Amino acid sequence: MNRRPALVILPLLLALAGCTSSTADDDPAPRPAAAERPSPFRDCATLSAAPTTASPDSGAATPTSTAPGTPGPAADGQTLPELTLSCFTGGAPIALRDVAGPAVINVWASWCPPCRKELPAFQRLSERAEGQLQVVGVNSRDSRSGAQSIGEDFGVRFPMLVDQGEALQRELKRNAIPLTLFVAADGQVRHIDATGALDDAKLAKLVRQHLGLTVPA
């Protein structure tokens, strides 16, 4: 008496299982792994080339009455540490001291909320100040997939160095990130900012104060 209902129910269960399998097959393909996707960041080959001078009518950063590289006291009179870091896109490693100033170097990680908050402002700075200063990222103690996803989602395009061992922070004797270095044309670190997430206005003010450049905020 009990076998007949069971024989009726079994085909129904098999039919339902087939529908589930078919639906799963129709799902969109998962996002490729970071290693399989093109890097959102530019390569680092041009970092040793000094920024070119933009005309005042170009809308990019323009020098103030004080020449770039001279305003503001140096941060303890230090130059960039003698470190060589890999480029996110591959190629030859980059000696940090070879990065031509004026430059703004942002140390960040995808797991750091203030870092994620300020990254779009650094991207806008790189666009507004193109030809006058370089914006460079240093991705610190992070996963490649995390950094790449943030770069893709936030539209970050400037060159990115990789510092998995936090060597730059150790050399600077700084523990927290985000960390932003303002480097003059002579290679001197004019200011190190560790106040938290920077926005467009704060970045423009710091660039003007420490590098002598006026950037549209």
N, C-alpha and C. Protein backbone atom coordinates (compact mmCIF):
# COMPACT_ATOMS: atom_id res chain seq x y z
N MET A 1 0.82 -1.20 0.00
CA MET A 1 0.00 0.00 0.00
C MET A 1 0.86 1.25 0.00
N ASN A 2 2.03 1.23 0.67
CA ASN A 2 2.88 2.42 0.78
C ASN A 2 3.84 2.57 -0.38
N ARG A 3 4.02 1.51 -1.18
CA ARG A 3 5.01 1.57 -2.24
C ARG A 3 4.53 2.42 -3.41
N ARG A 4 3.20 2.41 -3.65
CA ARG A 4 2.69 3.12 -4.82
C ARG A 4 2.87 4.65 -4.71
N PRO A 5 2.55 5.28 -3.58
CA PRO A 5 2.83 6.73 -3.46
C PRO A 5 4.31 7.06 -3.62
N ALA A 6 5.15 6.19 -3.11
CA ALA A 6 6.59 6.44 -3.22
C ALA A 6 7.03 6.44 -4.67
N LEU A 7 6.46 5.53 -5.49
CA LEU A 7 6.80 5.48 -6.90
C LEU A 7 6.33 6.73 -7.63
N VAL A 8 5.26 7.34 -7.16
CA VAL A 8 4.76 8.56 -7.79
C VAL A 8 5.60 9.76 -7.41
N ILE A 9 6.04 9.82 -6.16
CA ILE A 9 6.79 10.97 -5.65
C ILE A 9 8.21 11.00 -6.20
N LEU A 10 8.83 9.84 -6.40
CA LEU A 10 10.23 9.79 -6.83
C LEU A 10 10.47 10.50 -8.16
N PRO A 11 9.64 10.25 -9.21
CA PRO A 11 9.87 11.01 -10.46
C PRO A 11 9.73 12.51 -10.29
N LEU A 12 8.83 12.95 -9.39
CA LEU A 12 8.66 14.37 -9.16
C LEU A 12 9.93 14.99 -8.57
N LEU A 13 10.52 14.27 -7.63
CA LEU A 13 11.76 14.76 -7.03
C LEU A 13 12.87 14.83 -8.05
N LEU A 14 12.97 13.85 -8.92
CA LEU A 14 13.99 13.86 -9.95
C LEU A 14 13.77 15.00 -10.93
N ALA A 15 12.50 15.29 -11.22
CA ALA A 15 12.20 16.39 -12.14
C ALA A 15 12.61 17.72 -11.53
N LEU A 16 12.32 17.89 -10.23
CA LEU A 16 12.70 19.12 -9.55
C LEU A 16 14.21 19.29 -9.52
N ALA A 17 14.92 18.19 -9.30
CA ALA A 17 16.38 18.24 -9.27
C ALA A 17 16.92 18.67 -10.62
N GLY A 18 16.31 18.20 -11.69
CA GLY A 18 16.75 18.59 -13.02
C GLY A 18 16.53 20.06 -13.28
N CYS A 19 15.41 20.61 -12.82
CA CYS A 19 15.17 22.05 -13.01
C CYS A 19 16.23 22.87 -12.29
N THR A 20 16.60 22.47 -11.07
CA THR A 20 17.62 23.20 -10.31
C THR A 20 18.94 23.17 -11.04
N SER A 21 19.33 22.05 -11.57
CA SER A 21 20.58 21.92 -12.30
C SER A 21 20.56 22.79 -13.55
N SER A 22 19.42 22.81 -14.24
CA SER A 22 19.32 23.60 -15.45
C SER A 22 19.42 25.09 -15.14
N THR A 23 18.77 25.52 -14.03
CA THR A 23 18.83 26.93 -13.65
C THR A 23 20.26 27.33 -13.32
N ALA A 24 20.99 26.45 -12.61
CA ALA A 24 22.37 26.75 -12.25
C ALA A 24 23.22 26.91 -13.50
N ASP A 25 22.94 26.07 -14.52
CA ASP A 25 23.72 26.16 -15.75
C ASP A 25 23.48 27.47 -16.48
N ASP A 26 22.30 28.08 -16.21
CA ASP A 26 21.99 29.33 -16.89
C ASP A 26 22.55 30.55 -16.18
N ASP A 27 23.14 30.40 -14.97
CA ASP A 27 23.68 31.52 -14.23
C ASP A 27 24.86 32.13 -14.97
N PRO A 28 25.10 33.47 -14.80
CA PRO A 28 26.26 34.10 -15.45
C PRO A 28 27.56 33.49 -14.95
N ALA A 29 28.55 33.50 -15.80
CA ALA A 29 29.86 32.96 -15.41
C ALA A 29 30.44 33.80 -14.29
N PRO A 30 31.13 33.18 -13.33
CA PRO A 30 31.74 33.94 -12.24
C PRO A 30 32.82 34.87 -12.76
N ARG A 31 33.11 35.92 -11.99
CA ARG A 31 34.14 36.90 -12.36
C ARG A 31 35.49 36.19 -12.41
N PRO A 32 36.26 36.40 -13.48
CA PRO A 32 37.58 35.75 -13.57
C PRO A 32 38.46 36.15 -12.39
N ALA A 33 39.42 35.30 -12.07
CA ALA A 33 40.37 35.60 -11.01
C ALA A 33 41.19 36.82 -11.39
N ALA A 34 41.69 37.54 -10.36
CA ALA A 34 42.44 38.78 -10.60
C ALA A 34 43.62 38.55 -11.53
N ALA A 35 44.28 37.40 -11.37
CA ALA A 35 45.46 37.13 -12.19
C ALA A 35 45.11 37.00 -13.67
N GLU A 36 43.83 36.72 -13.97
CA GLU A 36 43.40 36.54 -15.35
C GLU A 36 42.84 37.82 -15.96
N ARG A 37 42.65 38.86 -15.14
CA ARG A 37 42.08 40.11 -15.64
C ARG A 37 43.20 41.12 -15.87
N PRO A 38 43.03 42.00 -16.87
CA PRO A 38 44.06 43.03 -17.07
C PRO A 38 44.12 43.98 -15.89
N SER A 39 45.30 44.46 -15.58
CA SER A 39 45.46 45.37 -14.44
C SER A 39 44.78 46.70 -14.74
N PRO A 40 44.07 47.27 -13.75
CA PRO A 40 43.48 48.60 -13.97
C PRO A 40 44.52 49.71 -13.90
N PHE A 41 45.68 49.42 -13.29
CA PHE A 41 46.70 50.45 -13.05
C PHE A 41 47.63 50.58 -14.26
N ARG A 42 48.18 51.79 -14.42
CA ARG A 42 49.18 51.99 -15.46
C ARG A 42 50.49 51.33 -15.05
N ASP A 43 51.32 51.06 -16.04
CA ASP A 43 52.63 50.48 -15.70
C ASP A 43 53.53 51.57 -15.11
N CYS A 44 54.67 51.15 -14.62
CA CYS A 44 55.54 52.05 -13.86
C CYS A 44 56.74 52.55 -14.67
N ALA A 45 56.73 52.31 -15.96
CA ALA A 45 57.91 52.63 -16.77
C ALA A 45 58.22 54.12 -16.80
N THR A 46 57.22 54.96 -16.64
CA THR A 46 57.43 56.41 -16.77
C THR A 46 57.73 57.10 -15.44
N LEU A 47 57.81 56.35 -14.35
CA LEU A 47 57.95 56.98 -13.04
C LEU A 47 59.27 57.73 -12.88
N SER A 48 60.28 57.34 -13.60
CA SER A 48 61.57 58.02 -13.47
C SER A 48 61.67 59.26 -14.35
N ALA A 49 60.64 59.52 -15.16
CA ALA A 49 60.64 60.70 -16.02
C ALA A 49 59.97 61.85 -15.29
N ALA A 50 60.64 62.99 -15.24
CA ALA A 50 60.09 64.15 -14.55
C ALA A 50 58.83 64.64 -15.25
N PRO A 51 57.83 65.10 -14.48
CA PRO A 51 56.62 65.65 -15.10
C PRO A 51 56.95 66.82 -16.00
N THR A 52 56.21 66.93 -17.08
CA THR A 52 56.40 68.06 -17.99
C THR A 52 55.62 69.25 -17.47
N THR A 53 55.97 70.43 -17.98
CA THR A 53 55.30 71.65 -17.53
C THR A 53 54.07 71.90 -18.37
N ALA A 54 52.92 72.05 -17.72
CA ALA A 54 51.68 72.34 -18.43
C ALA A 54 51.49 73.84 -18.52
N SER A 55 50.83 74.28 -19.56
CA SER A 55 50.56 75.71 -19.72
C SER A 55 49.48 76.13 -18.75
N PRO A 56 49.44 77.42 -18.35
CA PRO A 56 48.43 77.88 -17.40
C PRO A 56 47.02 77.71 -17.91
N ASP A 57 46.85 77.62 -19.24
CA ASP A 57 45.50 77.50 -19.80
C ASP A 57 45.04 76.06 -19.90
N SER A 58 45.89 75.11 -19.53
CA SER A 58 45.56 73.70 -19.72
C SER A 58 44.59 73.18 -18.69
N GLY A 59 44.42 73.90 -17.58
CA GLY A 59 43.54 73.43 -16.52
C GLY A 59 44.23 72.51 -15.55
N ALA A 60 45.50 72.17 -15.81
CA ALA A 60 46.25 71.32 -14.89
C ALA A 60 46.87 72.20 -13.82
N ALA A 61 47.60 71.56 -12.93
CA ALA A 61 48.24 72.30 -11.86
C ALA A 61 49.23 73.29 -12.43
N THR A 62 49.32 74.47 -11.85
CA THR A 62 50.26 75.48 -12.30
C THR A 62 51.10 75.94 -11.14
N PRO A 63 52.36 76.29 -11.40
CA PRO A 63 53.23 76.70 -10.29
C PRO A 63 52.73 77.99 -9.66
N THR A 64 52.90 78.10 -8.37
CA THR A 64 52.63 79.35 -7.69
C THR A 64 53.87 80.22 -7.81
N SER A 65 53.90 81.35 -7.10
CA SER A 65 55.06 82.24 -7.17
C SER A 65 56.30 81.59 -6.59
N THR A 66 56.12 80.53 -5.81
CA THR A 66 57.27 79.80 -5.27
C THR A 66 57.53 78.59 -6.13
N ALA A 67 58.75 78.37 -6.53
CA ALA A 67 59.07 77.28 -7.44
C ALA A 67 58.82 75.94 -6.77
N PRO A 68 58.36 74.92 -7.55
CA PRO A 68 58.16 73.59 -7.00
C PRO A 68 59.45 73.05 -6.40
N GLY A 69 59.31 72.37 -5.30
CA GLY A 69 60.48 71.76 -4.67
C GLY A 69 61.10 72.63 -3.59
N THR A 70 60.65 73.91 -3.46
CA THR A 70 61.26 74.77 -2.46
C THR A 70 60.38 75.07 -1.27
N PRO A 71 59.04 75.04 -1.37
CA PRO A 71 58.24 75.48 -0.23
C PRO A 71 58.18 74.45 0.88
N GLY A 72 57.98 74.96 2.07
CA GLY A 72 57.71 74.07 3.20
C GLY A 72 58.95 73.36 3.68
N PRO A 73 59.05 73.10 4.96
CA PRO A 73 60.20 72.36 5.48
C PRO A 73 60.12 70.90 5.09
N ALA A 74 61.26 70.29 4.88
CA ALA A 74 61.27 68.85 4.59
C ALA A 74 60.85 68.08 5.82
N ALA A 75 60.29 66.90 5.59
CA ALA A 75 59.87 66.04 6.69
C ALA A 75 61.12 65.42 7.30
N ASP A 76 61.67 66.08 8.33
CA ASP A 76 62.90 65.64 8.97
C ASP A 76 64.07 65.65 8.00
N GLY A 77 63.96 66.40 6.90
CA GLY A 77 65.05 66.52 5.95
C GLY A 77 65.38 65.23 5.23
N GLN A 78 64.43 64.32 5.11
CA GLN A 78 64.75 63.01 4.56
C GLN A 78 64.44 62.92 3.07
N THR A 79 65.19 62.05 2.42
CA THR A 79 64.89 61.68 1.05
C THR A 79 64.10 60.37 1.10
N LEU A 80 63.61 59.96 -0.05
CA LEU A 80 62.92 58.67 -0.09
C LEU A 80 63.88 57.54 0.28
N PRO A 81 63.40 56.54 0.99
CA PRO A 81 64.28 55.43 1.39
C PRO A 81 64.86 54.70 0.18
N GLU A 82 65.97 54.04 0.40
CA GLU A 82 66.60 53.24 -0.65
C GLU A 82 65.90 51.89 -0.71
N LEU A 83 64.75 51.89 -1.34
CA LEU A 83 63.95 50.67 -1.47
C LEU A 83 63.68 50.40 -2.94
N THR A 84 63.60 49.14 -3.29
CA THR A 84 63.19 48.73 -4.63
C THR A 84 61.91 47.92 -4.50
N LEU A 85 60.87 48.36 -5.20
CA LEU A 85 59.56 47.73 -5.10
C LEU A 85 59.11 47.22 -6.46
N SER A 86 58.31 46.17 -6.42
CA SER A 86 57.75 45.63 -7.66
C SER A 86 56.62 46.52 -8.16
N CYS A 87 56.41 46.48 -9.46
CA CYS A 87 55.27 47.19 -10.05
C CYS A 87 54.11 46.21 -10.15
N PHE A 88 52.91 46.69 -9.88
CA PHE A 88 51.72 45.82 -9.91
C PHE A 88 51.55 45.17 -11.28
N THR A 89 51.93 45.88 -12.34
CA THR A 89 51.74 45.35 -13.70
C THR A 89 52.89 44.47 -14.16
N GLY A 90 53.91 44.31 -13.31
CA GLY A 90 55.07 43.50 -13.69
C GLY A 90 56.18 44.38 -14.26
N GLY A 91 57.10 43.75 -14.94
CA GLY A 91 58.24 44.48 -15.49
C GLY A 91 59.34 44.65 -14.45
N ALA A 92 60.28 45.52 -14.77
CA ALA A 92 61.44 45.72 -13.89
C ALA A 92 61.02 46.38 -12.59
N PRO A 93 61.58 45.96 -11.46
CA PRO A 93 61.32 46.64 -10.19
C PRO A 93 61.74 48.10 -10.25
N ILE A 94 61.14 48.89 -9.38
CA ILE A 94 61.38 50.33 -9.38
C ILE A 94 62.10 50.74 -8.10
N ALA A 95 63.22 51.44 -8.25
CA ALA A 95 63.88 52.03 -7.09
C ALA A 95 63.10 53.27 -6.69
N LEU A 96 62.67 53.32 -5.45
CA LEU A 96 61.80 54.40 -5.01
C LEU A 96 62.46 55.76 -5.21
N ARG A 97 63.77 55.82 -5.02
CA ARG A 97 64.48 57.09 -5.20
C ARG A 97 64.54 57.53 -6.66
N ASP A 98 64.21 56.62 -7.57
CA ASP A 98 64.20 56.98 -8.99
C ASP A 98 62.89 57.62 -9.42
N VAL A 99 61.89 57.60 -8.54
CA VAL A 99 60.61 58.23 -8.87
C VAL A 99 60.83 59.74 -8.93
N ALA A 100 60.59 60.32 -10.08
CA ALA A 100 60.88 61.74 -10.29
C ALA A 100 59.79 62.61 -9.67
N GLY A 101 60.21 63.60 -8.92
CA GLY A 101 59.27 64.55 -8.34
C GLY A 101 59.05 65.73 -9.25
N PRO A 102 58.09 66.57 -8.91
CA PRO A 102 57.22 66.47 -7.74
C PRO A 102 56.31 65.24 -7.83
N ALA A 103 56.05 64.62 -6.70
CA ALA A 103 55.23 63.42 -6.66
C ALA A 103 54.44 63.34 -5.37
N VAL A 104 53.28 62.73 -5.46
CA VAL A 104 52.46 62.42 -4.30
C VAL A 104 52.35 60.91 -4.24
N ILE A 105 52.85 60.31 -3.17
CA ILE A 105 52.90 58.86 -3.04
C ILE A 105 51.93 58.44 -1.94
N ASN A 106 50.95 57.64 -2.31
CA ASN A 106 49.91 57.22 -1.37
C ASN A 106 50.07 55.75 -1.01
N VAL A 107 50.24 55.47 0.28
CA VAL A 107 50.37 54.09 0.78
C VAL A 107 48.99 53.64 1.26
N TRP A 108 48.52 52.50 0.73
CA TRP A 108 47.14 52.10 1.00
C TRP A 108 47.00 50.58 0.94
N ALA A 109 45.82 50.11 1.35
CA ALA A 109 45.46 48.70 1.23
C ALA A 109 43.95 48.59 1.07
N SER A 110 43.51 47.54 0.42
CA SER A 110 42.08 47.39 0.16
C SER A 110 41.28 47.12 1.43
N TRP A 111 41.94 46.59 2.48
CA TRP A 111 41.24 46.28 3.72
C TRP A 111 41.13 47.49 4.65
N CYS A 112 41.66 48.64 4.23
CA CYS A 112 41.70 49.85 5.05
C CYS A 112 40.58 50.81 4.60
N PRO A 113 39.50 50.98 5.40
CA PRO A 113 38.38 51.83 4.98
C PRO A 113 38.77 53.26 4.62
N PRO A 114 39.61 53.97 5.41
CA PRO A 114 39.98 55.33 5.00
C PRO A 114 40.75 55.35 3.67
N CYS A 115 41.53 54.30 3.41
CA CYS A 115 42.26 54.22 2.14
C CYS A 115 41.27 54.15 0.97
N ARG A 116 40.28 53.30 1.11
CA ARG A 116 39.29 53.17 0.04
C ARG A 116 38.53 54.48 -0.15
N LYS A 117 38.26 55.17 0.94
CA LYS A 117 37.50 56.42 0.87
C LYS A 117 38.24 57.50 0.09
N GLU A 118 39.57 57.56 0.25
CA GLU A 118 40.32 58.66 -0.36
C GLU A 118 40.87 58.35 -1.75
N LEU A 119 40.89 57.09 -2.15
CA LEU A 119 41.49 56.73 -3.43
C LEU A 119 40.90 57.49 -4.62
N PRO A 120 39.58 57.67 -4.71
CA PRO A 120 39.05 58.44 -5.85
C PRO A 120 39.60 59.86 -5.92
N ALA A 121 39.87 60.49 -4.77
CA ALA A 121 40.43 61.84 -4.77
C ALA A 121 41.85 61.83 -5.34
N PHE A 122 42.62 60.79 -5.06
CA PHE A 122 43.96 60.68 -5.64
C PHE A 122 43.90 60.46 -7.15
N GLN A 123 42.90 59.70 -7.61
CA GLN A 123 42.73 59.53 -9.04
C GLN A 123 42.40 60.86 -9.71
N ARG A 124 41.52 61.63 -9.09
CA ARG A 124 41.18 62.95 -9.66
C ARG A 124 42.40 63.88 -9.64
N LEU A 125 43.21 63.79 -8.57
CA LEU A 125 44.43 64.60 -8.52
C LEU A 125 45.36 64.23 -9.66
N SER A 126 45.50 62.95 -9.95
CA SER A 126 46.39 62.53 -11.03
C SER A 126 45.92 63.07 -12.37
N GLU A 127 44.62 63.22 -12.54
CA GLU A 127 44.09 63.76 -13.79
C GLU A 127 44.23 65.28 -13.85
N ARG A 128 43.93 65.96 -12.75
CA ARG A 128 43.96 67.42 -12.73
C ARG A 128 45.38 67.97 -12.76
N ALA A 129 46.31 67.23 -12.18
CA ALA A 129 47.70 67.70 -12.08
C ALA A 129 48.61 67.03 -13.08
N GLU A 130 48.05 66.37 -14.09
CA GLU A 130 48.88 65.67 -15.07
C GLU A 130 49.82 66.64 -15.75
N GLY A 131 51.08 66.27 -15.82
CA GLY A 131 52.09 67.13 -16.41
C GLY A 131 52.82 67.98 -15.40
N GLN A 132 52.29 68.08 -14.18
CA GLN A 132 52.92 68.89 -13.15
C GLN A 132 53.46 68.06 -11.99
N LEU A 133 52.77 66.98 -11.67
CA LEU A 133 53.25 66.09 -10.63
C LEU A 133 52.77 64.68 -10.92
N GLN A 134 53.43 63.72 -10.30
CA GLN A 134 53.04 62.32 -10.45
C GLN A 134 52.30 61.85 -9.21
N VAL A 135 51.26 61.07 -9.42
CA VAL A 135 50.58 60.38 -8.32
C VAL A 135 50.93 58.91 -8.42
N VAL A 136 51.46 58.36 -7.33
CA VAL A 136 51.93 56.98 -7.32
C VAL A 136 51.31 56.27 -6.13
N GLY A 137 50.84 55.07 -6.33
CA GLY A 137 50.32 54.27 -5.23
C GLY A 137 51.33 53.25 -4.77
N VAL A 138 51.30 52.96 -3.48
CA VAL A 138 52.08 51.85 -2.92
C VAL A 138 51.09 50.97 -2.17
N ASN A 139 50.80 49.81 -2.73
CA ASN A 139 49.85 48.88 -2.13
C ASN A 139 50.57 48.05 -1.08
N SER A 140 50.13 48.17 0.18
CA SER A 140 50.88 47.62 1.30
C SER A 140 50.15 46.45 1.96
N ARG A 141 50.87 45.35 2.16
CA ARG A 141 50.35 44.17 2.88
C ARG A 141 48.92 43.84 2.45
N ASP A 142 48.76 43.59 1.18
CA ASP A 142 47.43 43.38 0.61
C ASP A 142 47.45 42.17 -0.31
N SER A 143 46.28 41.69 -0.67
CA SER A 143 46.19 40.64 -1.67
C SER A 143 46.08 41.26 -3.05
N ARG A 144 46.58 40.58 -4.04
CA ARG A 144 46.49 41.11 -5.40
C ARG A 144 45.03 41.25 -5.83
N SER A 145 44.23 40.25 -5.47
CA SER A 145 42.81 40.31 -5.88
C SER A 145 42.09 41.48 -5.22
N GLY A 146 42.41 41.75 -3.94
CA GLY A 146 41.78 42.87 -3.25
C GLY A 146 42.16 44.20 -3.87
N ALA A 147 43.45 44.38 -4.14
CA ALA A 147 43.92 45.63 -4.74
C ALA A 147 43.35 45.82 -6.13
N GLN A 148 43.33 44.75 -6.92
CA GLN A 148 42.82 44.86 -8.28
C GLN A 148 41.34 45.18 -8.30
N SER A 149 40.57 44.55 -7.42
CA SER A 149 39.14 44.82 -7.38
C SER A 149 38.84 46.26 -7.01
N ILE A 150 39.59 46.81 -6.04
CA ILE A 150 39.40 48.21 -5.68
C ILE A 150 39.77 49.13 -6.84
N GLY A 151 40.87 48.82 -7.52
CA GLY A 151 41.27 49.62 -8.68
C GLY A 151 40.21 49.62 -9.76
N GLU A 152 39.62 48.46 -10.00
CA GLU A 152 38.57 48.35 -11.01
C GLU A 152 37.31 49.09 -10.59
N ASP A 153 36.89 48.85 -9.36
CA ASP A 153 35.62 49.42 -8.89
C ASP A 153 35.67 50.93 -8.73
N PHE A 154 36.85 51.46 -8.33
CA PHE A 154 36.97 52.89 -8.06
C PHE A 154 37.59 53.66 -9.22
N GLY A 155 37.94 52.97 -10.30
CA GLY A 155 38.51 53.65 -11.45
C GLY A 155 39.89 54.23 -11.22
N VAL A 156 40.71 53.54 -10.41
CA VAL A 156 42.06 54.02 -10.11
C VAL A 156 42.99 53.58 -11.24
N ARG A 157 43.71 54.54 -11.82
CA ARG A 157 44.52 54.25 -13.00
C ARG A 157 45.99 54.59 -12.84
N PHE A 158 46.37 55.34 -11.80
CA PHE A 158 47.77 55.75 -11.70
C PHE A 158 48.67 54.55 -11.38
N PRO A 159 49.99 54.67 -11.62
CA PRO A 159 50.90 53.53 -11.41
C PRO A 159 50.88 53.05 -9.96
N MET A 160 51.05 51.75 -9.81
CA MET A 160 50.94 51.13 -8.49
C MET A 160 52.16 50.26 -8.20
N LEU A 161 52.86 50.56 -7.11
CA LEU A 161 53.94 49.72 -6.61
C LEU A 161 53.39 48.79 -5.53
N VAL A 162 54.12 47.73 -5.24
CA VAL A 162 53.65 46.71 -4.29
C VAL A 162 54.68 46.56 -3.17
N ASP A 163 54.20 46.65 -1.93
CA ASP A 163 55.08 46.55 -0.75
C ASP A 163 54.45 45.59 0.25
N GLN A 164 54.55 44.30 -0.02
CA GLN A 164 53.90 43.31 0.82
C GLN A 164 54.50 43.24 2.22
N GLY A 165 55.75 43.60 2.35
CA GLY A 165 56.40 43.49 3.65
C GLY A 165 56.40 44.76 4.48
N GLU A 166 55.68 45.80 4.02
CA GLU A 166 55.61 47.08 4.73
C GLU A 166 56.99 47.71 4.92
N ALA A 167 57.88 47.49 3.96
CA ALA A 167 59.24 48.01 4.08
C ALA A 167 59.26 49.53 4.13
N LEU A 168 58.41 50.17 3.32
CA LEU A 168 58.40 51.63 3.30
C LEU A 168 57.93 52.19 4.65
N GLN A 169 56.91 51.60 5.21
CA GLN A 169 56.43 52.07 6.52
C GLN A 169 57.49 51.89 7.60
N ARG A 170 58.21 50.79 7.55
CA ARG A 170 59.26 50.56 8.54
C ARG A 170 60.37 51.59 8.39
N GLU A 171 60.75 51.90 7.15
CA GLU A 171 61.80 52.89 6.92
C GLU A 171 61.37 54.27 7.41
N LEU A 172 60.10 54.58 7.25
CA LEU A 172 59.58 55.88 7.66
C LEU A 172 59.20 55.91 9.14
N LYS A 173 59.26 54.74 9.79
CA LYS A 173 58.86 54.59 11.19
C LYS A 173 57.40 55.04 11.40
N ARG A 174 56.57 54.60 10.48
CA ARG A 174 55.13 54.89 10.53
C ARG A 174 54.38 53.57 10.48
N ASN A 175 53.39 53.42 11.36
CA ASN A 175 52.66 52.16 11.43
C ASN A 175 51.33 52.20 10.69
N ALA A 176 50.62 53.31 10.79
CA ALA A 176 49.26 53.37 10.29
C ALA A 176 49.22 53.73 8.81
N ILE A 177 48.17 53.28 8.15
CA ILE A 177 47.83 53.74 6.81
C ILE A 177 46.37 54.19 6.83
N PRO A 178 45.98 55.08 5.92
CA PRO A 178 46.72 55.59 4.77
C PRO A 178 47.84 56.54 5.18
N LEU A 179 48.83 56.59 4.31
CA LEU A 179 50.01 57.42 4.51
C LEU A 179 50.31 58.09 3.17
N THR A 180 50.53 59.39 3.19
CA THR A 180 50.76 60.11 1.93
C THR A 180 52.03 60.95 2.02
N LEU A 181 52.93 60.73 1.07
CA LEU A 181 54.19 61.45 1.02
C LEU A 181 54.15 62.50 -0.08
N PHE A 182 54.59 63.70 0.24
CA PHE A 182 54.67 64.79 -0.74
C PHE A 182 56.15 65.02 -1.03
N VAL A 183 56.57 64.66 -2.24
CA VAL A 183 57.99 64.64 -2.60
C VAL A 183 58.26 65.75 -3.61
N ALA A 184 59.24 66.59 -3.30
CA ALA A 184 59.58 67.72 -4.16
C ALA A 184 60.43 67.27 -5.34
N ALA A 185 60.66 68.21 -6.26
CA ALA A 185 61.43 67.89 -7.47
C ALA A 185 62.86 67.48 -7.15
N ASP A 186 63.39 67.92 -6.00
CA ASP A 186 64.76 67.56 -5.62
C ASP A 186 64.83 66.23 -4.87
N GLY A 187 63.72 65.53 -4.77
CA GLY A 187 63.69 64.23 -4.10
C GLY A 187 63.48 64.28 -2.61
N GLN A 188 63.39 65.50 -2.05
CA GLN A 188 63.17 65.62 -0.60
C GLN A 188 61.69 65.37 -0.27
N VAL A 189 61.48 64.63 0.82
CA VAL A 189 60.12 64.42 1.32
C VAL A 189 59.73 65.67 2.11
N ARG A 190 58.83 66.47 1.56
CA ARG A 190 58.46 67.73 2.19
C ARG A 190 57.43 67.55 3.29
N HIS A 191 56.62 66.51 3.19
CA HIS A 191 55.57 66.32 4.19
C HIS A 191 55.09 64.89 4.13
N ILE A 192 54.77 64.33 5.30
CA ILE A 192 54.15 63.01 5.39
C ILE A 192 52.83 63.19 6.12
N ASP A 193 51.74 62.86 5.46
CA ASP A 193 50.42 63.05 6.06
C ASP A 193 49.86 61.70 6.52
N ALA A 194 49.42 61.67 7.78
CA ALA A 194 48.81 60.47 8.34
C ALA A 194 47.56 60.84 9.12
N THR A 195 46.82 61.83 8.61
CA THR A 195 45.65 62.34 9.33
C THR A 195 44.36 61.61 8.99
N GLY A 196 44.43 60.61 8.11
CA GLY A 196 43.21 59.91 7.72
C GLY A 196 42.87 60.20 6.27
N ALA A 197 41.63 59.90 5.91
CA ALA A 197 41.21 60.04 4.52
C ALA A 197 41.26 61.49 4.07
N LEU A 198 41.93 61.73 2.94
CA LEU A 198 42.04 63.07 2.35
C LEU A 198 41.00 63.23 1.25
N ASP A 199 40.42 64.42 1.16
CA ASP A 199 39.49 64.70 0.06
C ASP A 199 40.16 65.65 -0.93
N ASP A 200 39.43 66.07 -1.94
CA ASP A 200 40.00 66.91 -2.99
C ASP A 200 40.57 68.22 -2.43
N ALA A 201 39.80 68.85 -1.56
CA ALA A 201 40.22 70.15 -1.02
C ALA A 201 41.49 70.01 -0.17
N LYS A 202 41.54 68.99 0.68
CA LYS A 202 42.72 68.80 1.52
C LYS A 202 43.95 68.47 0.69
N LEU A 203 43.76 67.64 -0.33
CA LEU A 203 44.89 67.30 -1.19
C LEU A 203 45.42 68.53 -1.92
N ALA A 204 44.49 69.35 -2.44
CA ALA A 204 44.91 70.57 -3.15
C ALA A 204 45.67 71.50 -2.21
N LYS A 205 45.21 71.60 -0.98
CA LYS A 205 45.87 72.47 0.00
C LYS A 205 47.27 71.96 0.32
N LEU A 206 47.42 70.65 0.52
CA LEU A 206 48.72 70.08 0.85
C LEU A 206 49.69 70.18 -0.31
N VAL A 207 49.20 69.99 -1.52
CA VAL A 207 50.06 70.11 -2.70
C VAL A 207 50.55 71.55 -2.85
N ARG A 208 49.66 72.49 -2.62
CA ARG A 208 50.03 73.91 -2.71
C ARG A 208 51.02 74.29 -1.62
N GLN A 209 50.78 73.80 -0.40
CA GLN A 209 51.59 74.17 0.75
C GLN A 209 52.99 73.56 0.69
N HIS A 210 53.08 72.32 0.27
CA HIS A 210 54.36 71.59 0.36
C HIS A 210 55.10 71.43 -0.96
N LEU A 211 54.37 71.54 -2.09
CA LEU A 211 55.03 71.38 -3.39
C LEU A 211 54.97 72.63 -4.24
N GLY A 212 54.25 73.66 -3.75
CA GLY A 212 54.20 74.91 -4.48
C GLY A 212 53.41 74.88 -5.77
N LEU A 213 52.44 73.96 -5.84
CA LEU A 213 51.62 73.83 -7.04
C LEU A 213 50.17 74.11 -6.71
N THR A 214 49.49 74.79 -7.60
CA THR A 214 48.06 75.03 -7.42
C THR A 214 47.28 74.06 -8.29
N VAL A 215 46.48 73.24 -7.65
CA VAL A 215 45.70 72.22 -8.33
C VAL A 215 44.21 72.55 -8.18
N PRO A 216 43.43 72.55 -9.22
CA PRO A 216 41.99 72.75 -9.08
C PRO A 216 41.39 71.70 -8.16
N ALA A 217 40.64 72.14 -7.14
CA ALA A 217 40.05 71.19 -6.18
C ALA A 217 38.75 70.62 -6.72
